[in-house]
Amino acid sequence: MDRLNKGPRAFITVVPNGMPKMAPMMAKSLVYNLVVSLLVAYVTWHAVGADAAYLDVFRIAGATSMMSYSLASVPESIWFGRPWRNFGMQVVDAIAYGLVTAGIFGSMWA
């Protein structure tokens, strides 16, 4: 307990040596974005229906996609000491992703 109280404490991520391979990371990122988009489409479909106006689709798709892209990282700040500033920066990214997602969904909905 003394050593834990005295510190320091750290959470370390260990990755393989060398340059990271971009293709697998890009593929995983694409799959993640597709899964989020499918779930956003599901929620939006049940919230507004098939013949909804652009702004109705934009509102629901934007809100759900922004939540999907940002809120998953909150536990990292709560439990693992990740700085809240990092979460704030992720929220900025989530807003951008959410607005793009909402715009695409709104324009392609009808």
C-alpha atoms as a PDB file:
ATOM      1  CA  MET A   1       0.000   0.000   0.000  1.00  0.00           C
ATOM      2  CA  ASP A   2       2.864   2.377   0.799  1.00  0.00           C
ATOM      3  CA  ARG A   3       4.387   1.914  -2.627  1.00  0.00           C
ATOM      4  CA  LEU A   4       0.995   2.454  -4.271  1.00  0.00           C
ATOM      5  CA  ASN A   5       0.347   5.608  -2.263  1.00  0.00           C
ATOM      6  CA  LYS A   6       3.895   6.892  -2.818  1.00  0.00           C
ATOM      7  CA  GLY A   7       3.704   6.414  -6.582  1.00  0.00           C
ATOM      8  CA  PRO A   8       4.281   6.910  -9.351  1.00  0.00           C
ATOM      9  CA  ARG A   9       1.626   4.816 -11.090  1.00  0.00           C
ATOM     10  CA  ALA A  10       1.429   4.252 -14.817  1.00  0.00           C
ATOM     11  CA  PHE A  11      -0.557   2.441 -17.458  1.00  0.00           C
ATOM     12  CA  ILE A  12       1.705   1.386 -20.299  1.00  0.00           C
ATOM     13  CA  THR A  13       0.778   0.182 -23.761  1.00  0.00           C
ATOM     14  CA  VAL A  14       3.373  -2.125 -25.281  1.00  0.00           C
ATOM     15  CA  VAL A  15       3.458  -2.374 -29.074  1.00  0.00           C
ATOM     16  CA  PRO A  16       5.718  -4.370 -31.393  1.00  0.00           C
ATOM     17  CA  ASN A  17       9.011  -2.859 -32.556  1.00  0.00           C
ATOM     18  CA  GLY A  18       9.292  -1.134 -35.899  1.00  0.00           C
ATOM     19  CA  MET A  19       7.018   1.014 -37.967  1.00  0.00           C
ATOM     20  CA  PRO A  20       3.323   0.272 -37.543  1.00  0.00           C
ATOM     21  CA  LYS A  21       1.588  -1.276 -40.531  1.00  0.00           C
ATOM     22  CA  MET A  22      -0.960   1.228 -41.785  1.00  0.00           C
ATOM     23  CA  ALA A  23      -3.107  -1.140 -43.866  1.00  0.00           C
ATOM     24  CA  PRO A  24      -4.431  -3.241 -40.936  1.00  0.00           C
ATOM     25  CA  MET A  25      -5.055  -0.129 -38.839  1.00  0.00           C
ATOM     26  CA  MET A  26      -6.882   1.586 -41.703  1.00  0.00           C
ATOM     27  CA  ALA A  27      -8.971  -1.559 -42.284  1.00  0.00           C
ATOM     28  CA  LYS A  28      -9.919  -1.724 -38.585  1.00  0.00           C
ATOM     29  CA  SER A  29     -10.781   1.966 -38.612  1.00  0.00           C
ATOM     30  CA  LEU A  30     -12.977   1.484 -41.681  1.00  0.00           C
ATOM     31  CA  VAL A  31     -14.789  -1.447 -40.043  1.00  0.00           C
ATOM     32  CA  TYR A  32     -15.318   0.645 -36.890  1.00  0.00           C
ATOM     33  CA  ASN A  33     -16.765   3.547 -38.897  1.00  0.00           C
ATOM     34  CA  LEU A  34     -19.031   1.193 -40.850  1.00  0.00           C
ATOM     35  CA  VAL A  35     -20.339  -0.400 -37.642  1.00  0.00           C
ATOM     36  CA  VAL A  36     -21.047   3.035 -36.151  1.00  0.00           C
ATOM     37  CA  SER A  37     -22.799   4.082 -39.371  1.00  0.00           C
ATOM     38  CA  LEU A  38     -24.939   0.945 -39.401  1.00  0.00           C
ATOM     39  CA  LEU A  39     -26.015   1.551 -35.808  1.00  0.00           C
ATOM     40  CA  VAL A  40     -26.689   5.225 -36.546  1.00  0.00           C
ATOM     41  CA  ALA A  41     -28.795   4.187 -39.550  1.00  0.00           C
ATOM     42  CA  TYR A  42     -30.740   1.735 -37.381  1.00  0.00           C
ATOM     43  CA  VAL A  43     -31.520   4.343 -34.721  1.00  0.00           C
ATOM     44  CA  THR A  44     -32.319   7.029 -37.289  1.00  0.00           C
ATOM     45  CA  TRP A  45     -34.613   4.713 -39.250  1.00  0.00           C
ATOM     46  CA  HIS A  46     -36.649   3.899 -36.152  1.00  0.00           C
ATOM     47  CA  ALA A  47     -36.654   7.502 -34.938  1.00  0.00           C
ATOM     48  CA  VAL A  48     -37.746   9.308 -38.117  1.00  0.00           C
ATOM     49  CA  GLY A  49     -38.839   6.695 -40.657  1.00  0.00           C
ATOM     50  CA  ALA A  50     -38.185   6.348 -44.357  1.00  0.00           C
ATOM     51  CA  ASP A  51     -39.696   9.579 -45.665  1.00  0.00           C
ATOM     52  CA  ALA A  52     -38.182  12.010 -43.147  1.00  0.00           C
ATOM     53  CA  ALA A  53     -37.011  15.496 -44.014  1.00  0.00           C
ATOM     54  CA  TYR A  54     -33.299  16.300 -44.268  1.00  0.00           C
ATOM     55  CA  LEU A  55     -33.106  18.207 -40.968  1.00  0.00           C
ATOM     56  CA  ASP A  56     -34.895  15.459 -39.017  1.00  0.00           C
ATOM     57  CA  VAL A  57     -32.419  12.884 -40.311  1.00  0.00           C
ATOM     58  CA  PHE A  58     -29.507  15.280 -39.727  1.00  0.00           C
ATOM     59  CA  ARG A  59     -30.563  15.869 -36.118  1.00  0.00           C
ATOM     60  CA  ILE A  60     -30.909  12.204 -35.127  1.00  0.00           C
ATOM     61  CA  ALA A  61     -27.956  10.908 -37.166  1.00  0.00           C
ATOM     62  CA  GLY A  62     -25.755  13.742 -35.935  1.00  0.00           C
ATOM     63  CA  ALA A  63     -26.601  13.234 -32.276  1.00  0.00           C
ATOM     64  CA  THR A  64     -26.188   9.461 -32.336  1.00  0.00           C
ATOM     65  CA  SER A  65     -22.959   9.518 -34.327  1.00  0.00           C
ATOM     66  CA  MET A  66     -21.423  12.216 -32.115  1.00  0.00           C
ATOM     67  CA  MET A  67     -22.309  10.159 -29.047  1.00  0.00           C
ATOM     68  CA  SER A  68     -20.860   7.033 -30.647  1.00  0.00           C
ATOM     69  CA  TYR A  69     -17.577   8.676 -31.540  1.00  0.00           C
ATOM     70  CA  SER A  70     -17.039  10.540 -28.276  1.00  0.00           C
ATOM     71  CA  LEU A  71     -18.627   8.904 -25.236  1.00  0.00           C
ATOM     72  CA  ALA A  72     -16.800   5.590 -25.473  1.00  0.00           C
ATOM     73  CA  SER A  73     -13.598   7.273 -24.304  1.00  0.00           C
ATOM     74  CA  VAL A  74     -15.001   8.715 -21.048  1.00  0.00           C
ATOM     75  CA  PRO A  75     -14.081   5.624 -18.972  1.00  0.00           C
ATOM     76  CA  GLU A  76     -10.447   6.027 -20.057  1.00  0.00           C
ATOM     77  CA  SER A  77     -10.329   9.391 -18.285  1.00  0.00           C
ATOM     78  CA  ILE A  78     -12.283   8.169 -15.270  1.00  0.00           C
ATOM     79  CA  TRP A  79     -10.519   4.857 -14.631  1.00  0.00           C
ATOM     80  CA  PHE A  80      -7.137   5.077 -16.339  1.00  0.00           C
ATOM     81  CA  GLY A  81      -6.127   8.675 -15.705  1.00  0.00           C
ATOM     82  CA  ARG A  82      -6.172   9.782 -19.304  1.00  0.00           C
ATOM     83  CA  PRO A  83      -6.184  13.597 -19.240  1.00  0.00           C
ATOM     84  CA  TRP A  84      -9.604  15.171 -19.680  1.00  0.00           C
ATOM     85  CA  ARG A  85      -8.044  17.485 -22.241  1.00  0.00           C
ATOM     86  CA  ASN A  86      -7.535  14.420 -24.461  1.00  0.00           C
ATOM     87  CA  PHE A  87     -11.228  13.631 -24.109  1.00  0.00           C
ATOM     88  CA  GLY A  88     -12.010  17.220 -25.086  1.00  0.00           C
ATOM     89  CA  MET A  89      -9.928  16.850 -28.224  1.00  0.00           C
ATOM     90  CA  GLN A  90     -11.771  13.636 -29.046  1.00  0.00           C
ATOM     91  CA  VAL A  91     -15.055  15.493 -28.687  1.00  0.00           C
ATOM     92  CA  VAL A  92     -13.855  17.984 -31.305  1.00  0.00           C
ATOM     93  CA  ASP A  93     -13.119  15.071 -33.650  1.00  0.00           C
ATOM     94  CA  ALA A  94     -16.476  13.472 -32.785  1.00  0.00           C
ATOM     95  CA  ILE A  95     -18.308  16.668 -33.689  1.00  0.00           C
ATOM     96  CA  ALA A  96     -16.575  16.756 -37.066  1.00  0.00           C
ATOM     97  CA  TYR A  97     -17.271  13.051 -37.739  1.00  0.00           C
ATOM     98  CA  GLY A  98     -20.854  13.488 -36.525  1.00  0.00           C
ATOM     99  CA  LEU A  99     -21.550  16.466 -38.764  1.00  0.00           C
ATOM    100  CA  VAL A 100     -20.126  14.686 -41.804  1.00  0.00           C
ATOM    101  CA  THR A 101     -22.104  11.541 -40.989  1.00  0.00           C
ATOM    102  CA  ALA A 102     -25.295  13.531 -40.444  1.00  0.00           C
ATOM    103  CA  GLY A 103     -24.826  15.437 -43.700  1.00  0.00           C
ATOM    104  CA  ILE A 104     -24.284  12.259 -45.704  1.00  0.00           C
ATOM    105  CA  PHE A 105     -27.240  10.492 -44.087  1.00  0.00           C
ATOM    106  CA  GLY A 106     -29.479  13.522 -44.583  1.00  0.00           C
ATOM    107  CA  SER A 107     -28.589  13.949 -48.234  1.00  0.00           C
ATOM    108  CA  MET A 108     -28.919  10.249 -49.095  1.00  0.00           C
ATOM    109  CA  TRP A 109     -31.961   9.428 -46.937  1.00  0.00           C
ATOM    110  CA  ALA A 110     -34.826   9.964 -49.354  1.00  0.00           C
END
